[in-house]
Amino acid sequence: MQGFNMELGYDKKVLVAHYIDELVKRFKIDIDSEDKEALVKETQNVVELIAKENFLSSQQLKQDTKDSLEKELATKEFVRSEVERAKTDLIKWIVGMQLAVGGLIVALIKFL
């Protein structure tokens, strides 16, 4: 927001007042000039506090989101290794089951 103010040459108070005017019009709120001025002042204080404390840094939010997604997303190497492991386990089970069925058939033939 600070870069926006500097580019257009607007004062923060003017911008805050404009936004509050738009909100008042949009939501059809009845507010007198003293309350409006107090609201503008308080809103400006909050905006300055946020900017000062850097609570909502867009770069920080972007980096946090990126880090979170990188932790959650699977890489191609991870997926390939998991698929390879699953294929190996599946082959072991298929071979084991075939041997068990073969043994069962041999046992049944001997029994008869």
C-alpha atoms as a PDB file:
ATOM      1  CA  MET A   1       0.000   0.000   0.000  1.00  0.00           C
ATOM      2  CA  GLN A   2       2.890   2.302   0.733  1.00  0.00           C
ATOM      3  CA  GLY A   3       4.223   1.995  -2.827  1.00  0.00           C
ATOM      4  CA  PHE A   4       0.727   2.713  -4.122  1.00  0.00           C
ATOM      5  CA  ASN A   5       0.562   5.921  -2.064  1.00  0.00           C
ATOM      6  CA  MET A   6       3.938   7.100  -3.258  1.00  0.00           C
ATOM      7  CA  GLU A   7       3.222   6.401  -6.914  1.00  0.00           C
ATOM      8  CA  LEU A   8      -0.017   8.363  -6.956  1.00  0.00           C
ATOM      9  CA  GLY A   9       1.082  10.977  -4.458  1.00  0.00           C
ATOM     10  CA  TYR A  10      -1.886  10.393  -2.151  1.00  0.00           C
ATOM     11  CA  ASP A  11      -1.756  10.822   1.567  1.00  0.00           C
ATOM     12  CA  LYS A  12      -2.659   7.724   3.590  1.00  0.00           C
ATOM     13  CA  LYS A  13      -5.364   9.634   5.411  1.00  0.00           C
ATOM     14  CA  VAL A  14      -6.985  10.649   2.099  1.00  0.00           C
ATOM     15  CA  LEU A  15      -6.979   7.041   0.896  1.00  0.00           C
ATOM     16  CA  VAL A  16      -8.401   5.725   4.158  1.00  0.00           C
ATOM     17  CA  ALA A  17     -11.101   8.410   4.101  1.00  0.00           C
ATOM     18  CA  HIS A  18     -11.963   7.479   0.521  1.00  0.00           C
ATOM     19  CA  TYR A  19     -12.287   3.788   1.366  1.00  0.00           C
ATOM     20  CA  ILE A  20     -14.439   4.563   4.391  1.00  0.00           C
ATOM     21  CA  ASP A  21     -16.654   6.808   2.242  1.00  0.00           C
ATOM     22  CA  GLU A  22     -17.083   3.947  -0.202  1.00  0.00           C
ATOM     23  CA  LEU A  23     -17.957   1.522   2.602  1.00  0.00           C
ATOM     24  CA  VAL A  24     -20.465   3.965   4.069  1.00  0.00           C
ATOM     25  CA  LYS A  25     -22.110   4.390   0.657  1.00  0.00           C
ATOM     26  CA  ARG A  26     -22.069   0.696  -0.164  1.00  0.00           C
ATOM     27  CA  PHE A  27     -23.555  -0.467   3.129  1.00  0.00           C
ATOM     28  CA  LYS A  28     -25.759   2.624   3.575  1.00  0.00           C
ATOM     29  CA  ILE A  29     -24.419   3.368   7.046  1.00  0.00           C
ATOM     30  CA  ASP A  30     -25.525   6.546   8.827  1.00  0.00           C
ATOM     31  CA  ILE A  31     -22.445   8.147  10.343  1.00  0.00           C
ATOM     32  CA  ASP A  32     -21.756  11.730  11.343  1.00  0.00           C
ATOM     33  CA  SER A  33     -18.589  13.614  10.468  1.00  0.00           C
ATOM     34  CA  GLU A  34     -17.030  13.293  13.947  1.00  0.00           C
ATOM     35  CA  ASP A  35     -17.487   9.526  13.986  1.00  0.00           C
ATOM     36  CA  LYS A  36     -16.222   9.347  10.437  1.00  0.00           C
ATOM     37  CA  GLU A  37     -13.094  11.322  11.350  1.00  0.00           C
ATOM     38  CA  ALA A  38     -12.500   9.072  14.373  1.00  0.00           C
ATOM     39  CA  LEU A  39     -12.968   6.007  12.193  1.00  0.00           C
ATOM     40  CA  VAL A  40     -10.520   7.371   9.621  1.00  0.00           C
ATOM     41  CA  LYS A  41      -7.963   8.092  12.343  1.00  0.00           C
ATOM     42  CA  GLU A  42      -8.342   4.674  13.965  1.00  0.00           C
ATOM     43  CA  THR A  43      -8.183   2.886  10.616  1.00  0.00           C
ATOM     44  CA  GLN A  44      -5.054   4.821   9.717  1.00  0.00           C
ATOM     45  CA  ASN A  45      -3.484   3.825  13.045  1.00  0.00           C
ATOM     46  CA  VAL A  46      -4.271   0.164  12.401  1.00  0.00           C
ATOM     47  CA  VAL A  47      -2.869   0.349   8.866  1.00  0.00           C
ATOM     48  CA  GLU A  48       0.301   2.019  10.134  1.00  0.00           C
ATOM     49  CA  LEU A  49       0.646  -0.562  12.915  1.00  0.00           C
ATOM     50  CA  ILE A  50       0.290  -3.402  10.443  1.00  0.00           C
ATOM     51  CA  ALA A  51       2.814  -1.809   8.110  1.00  0.00           C
ATOM     52  CA  LYS A  52       5.173  -1.064  10.992  1.00  0.00           C
ATOM     53  CA  GLU A  53       4.980  -4.510  12.529  1.00  0.00           C
ATOM     54  CA  ASN A  54       4.883  -6.133   9.091  1.00  0.00           C
ATOM     55  CA  PHE A  55       2.039  -8.450  10.081  1.00  0.00           C
ATOM     56  CA  LEU A  56       0.783  -8.892   6.542  1.00  0.00           C
ATOM     57  CA  SER A  57       3.883  -8.778   4.399  1.00  0.00           C
ATOM     58  CA  SER A  58       2.892 -10.111   0.995  1.00  0.00           C
ATOM     59  CA  GLN A  59       6.388 -11.479   0.427  1.00  0.00           C
ATOM     60  CA  GLN A  60       6.285 -13.297   3.768  1.00  0.00           C
ATOM     61  CA  LEU A  61       2.828 -14.722   3.019  1.00  0.00           C
ATOM     62  CA  LYS A  62       4.044 -15.818  -0.403  1.00  0.00           C
ATOM     63  CA  GLN A  63       7.120 -17.503   1.076  1.00  0.00           C
ATOM     64  CA  ASP A  64       5.107 -19.191   3.847  1.00  0.00           C
ATOM     65  CA  THR A  65       2.637 -20.530   1.298  1.00  0.00           C
ATOM     66  CA  LYS A  66       5.441 -21.750  -0.938  1.00  0.00           C
ATOM     67  CA  ASP A  67       7.187 -23.483   1.971  1.00  0.00           C
ATOM     68  CA  SER A  68       3.943 -25.107   3.079  1.00  0.00           C
ATOM     69  CA  LEU A  69       3.186 -26.369  -0.408  1.00  0.00           C
ATOM     70  CA  GLU A  70       6.708 -27.687  -0.867  1.00  0.00           C
ATOM     71  CA  LYS A  71       6.311 -29.697   2.330  1.00  0.00           C
ATOM     72  CA  GLU A  72       2.944 -31.082   1.240  1.00  0.00           C
ATOM     73  CA  LEU A  73       3.572 -31.751  -2.446  1.00  0.00           C
ATOM     74  CA  ALA A  74       5.249 -34.928  -3.579  1.00  0.00           C
ATOM     75  CA  THR A  75       8.228 -34.726  -5.895  1.00  0.00           C
ATOM     76  CA  LYS A  76       8.575 -36.869  -8.990  1.00  0.00           C
ATOM     77  CA  GLU A  77      11.395 -38.821  -7.348  1.00  0.00           C
ATOM     78  CA  PHE A  78       9.235 -39.550  -4.296  1.00  0.00           C
ATOM     79  CA  VAL A  79       6.315 -40.713  -6.424  1.00  0.00           C
ATOM     80  CA  ARG A  80       8.563 -42.884  -8.576  1.00  0.00           C
ATOM     81  CA  SER A  81      10.149 -44.526  -5.534  1.00  0.00           C
ATOM     82  CA  GLU A  82       6.715 -45.185  -3.997  1.00  0.00           C
ATOM     83  CA  VAL A  83       5.413 -46.692  -7.242  1.00  0.00           C
ATOM     84  CA  GLU A  84       8.526 -48.852  -7.550  1.00  0.00           C
ATOM     85  CA  ARG A  85       8.133 -50.047  -3.962  1.00  0.00           C
ATOM     86  CA  ALA A  86       4.447 -50.819  -4.544  1.00  0.00           C
ATOM     87  CA  LYS A  87       5.283 -52.761  -7.702  1.00  0.00           C
ATOM     88  CA  THR A  88       7.888 -54.796  -5.835  1.00  0.00           C
ATOM     89  CA  ASP A  89       5.455 -55.565  -3.002  1.00  0.00           C
ATOM     90  CA  LEU A  90       2.760 -56.522  -5.495  1.00  0.00           C
ATOM     91  CA  ILE A  91       5.094 -58.902  -7.338  1.00  0.00           C
ATOM     92  CA  LYS A  92       6.098 -60.533  -4.033  1.00  0.00           C
ATOM     93  CA  TRP A  93       2.444 -61.083  -3.108  1.00  0.00           C
ATOM     94  CA  ILE A  94       1.532 -62.442  -6.548  1.00  0.00           C
ATOM     95  CA  VAL A  95       4.436 -64.904  -6.546  1.00  0.00           C
ATOM     96  CA  GLY A  96       3.638 -65.938  -2.968  1.00  0.00           C
ATOM     97  CA  MET A  97      -0.026 -66.502  -3.793  1.00  0.00           C
ATOM     98  CA  GLN A  98       0.854 -68.501  -6.911  1.00  0.00           C
ATOM     99  CA  LEU A  99       3.122 -70.739  -4.860  1.00  0.00           C
ATOM    100  CA  ALA A 100       0.399 -71.187  -2.237  1.00  0.00           C
ATOM    101  CA  VAL A 101      -2.213 -72.060  -4.862  1.00  0.00           C
ATOM    102  CA  GLY A 102       0.256 -74.452  -6.543  1.00  0.00           C
ATOM    103  CA  GLY A 103       0.915 -76.141  -3.209  1.00  0.00           C
ATOM    104  CA  LEU A 104      -2.818 -76.400  -2.555  1.00  0.00           C
ATOM    105  CA  ILE A 105      -3.373 -78.010  -5.979  1.00  0.00           C
ATOM    106  CA  VAL A 106      -0.560 -80.513  -5.356  1.00  0.00           C
ATOM    107  CA  ALA A 107      -2.021 -81.336  -1.925  1.00  0.00           C
ATOM    108  CA  LEU A 108      -5.483 -81.855  -3.413  1.00  0.00           C
ATOM    109  CA  ILE A 109      -4.142 -84.107  -6.153  1.00  0.00           C
ATOM    110  CA  LYS A 110      -2.279 -86.250  -3.578  1.00  0.00           C
ATOM    111  CA  PHE A 111      -5.358 -86.382  -1.399  1.00  0.00           C
ATOM    112  CA  LEU A 112      -7.514 -87.754  -4.196  1.00  0.00           C
END
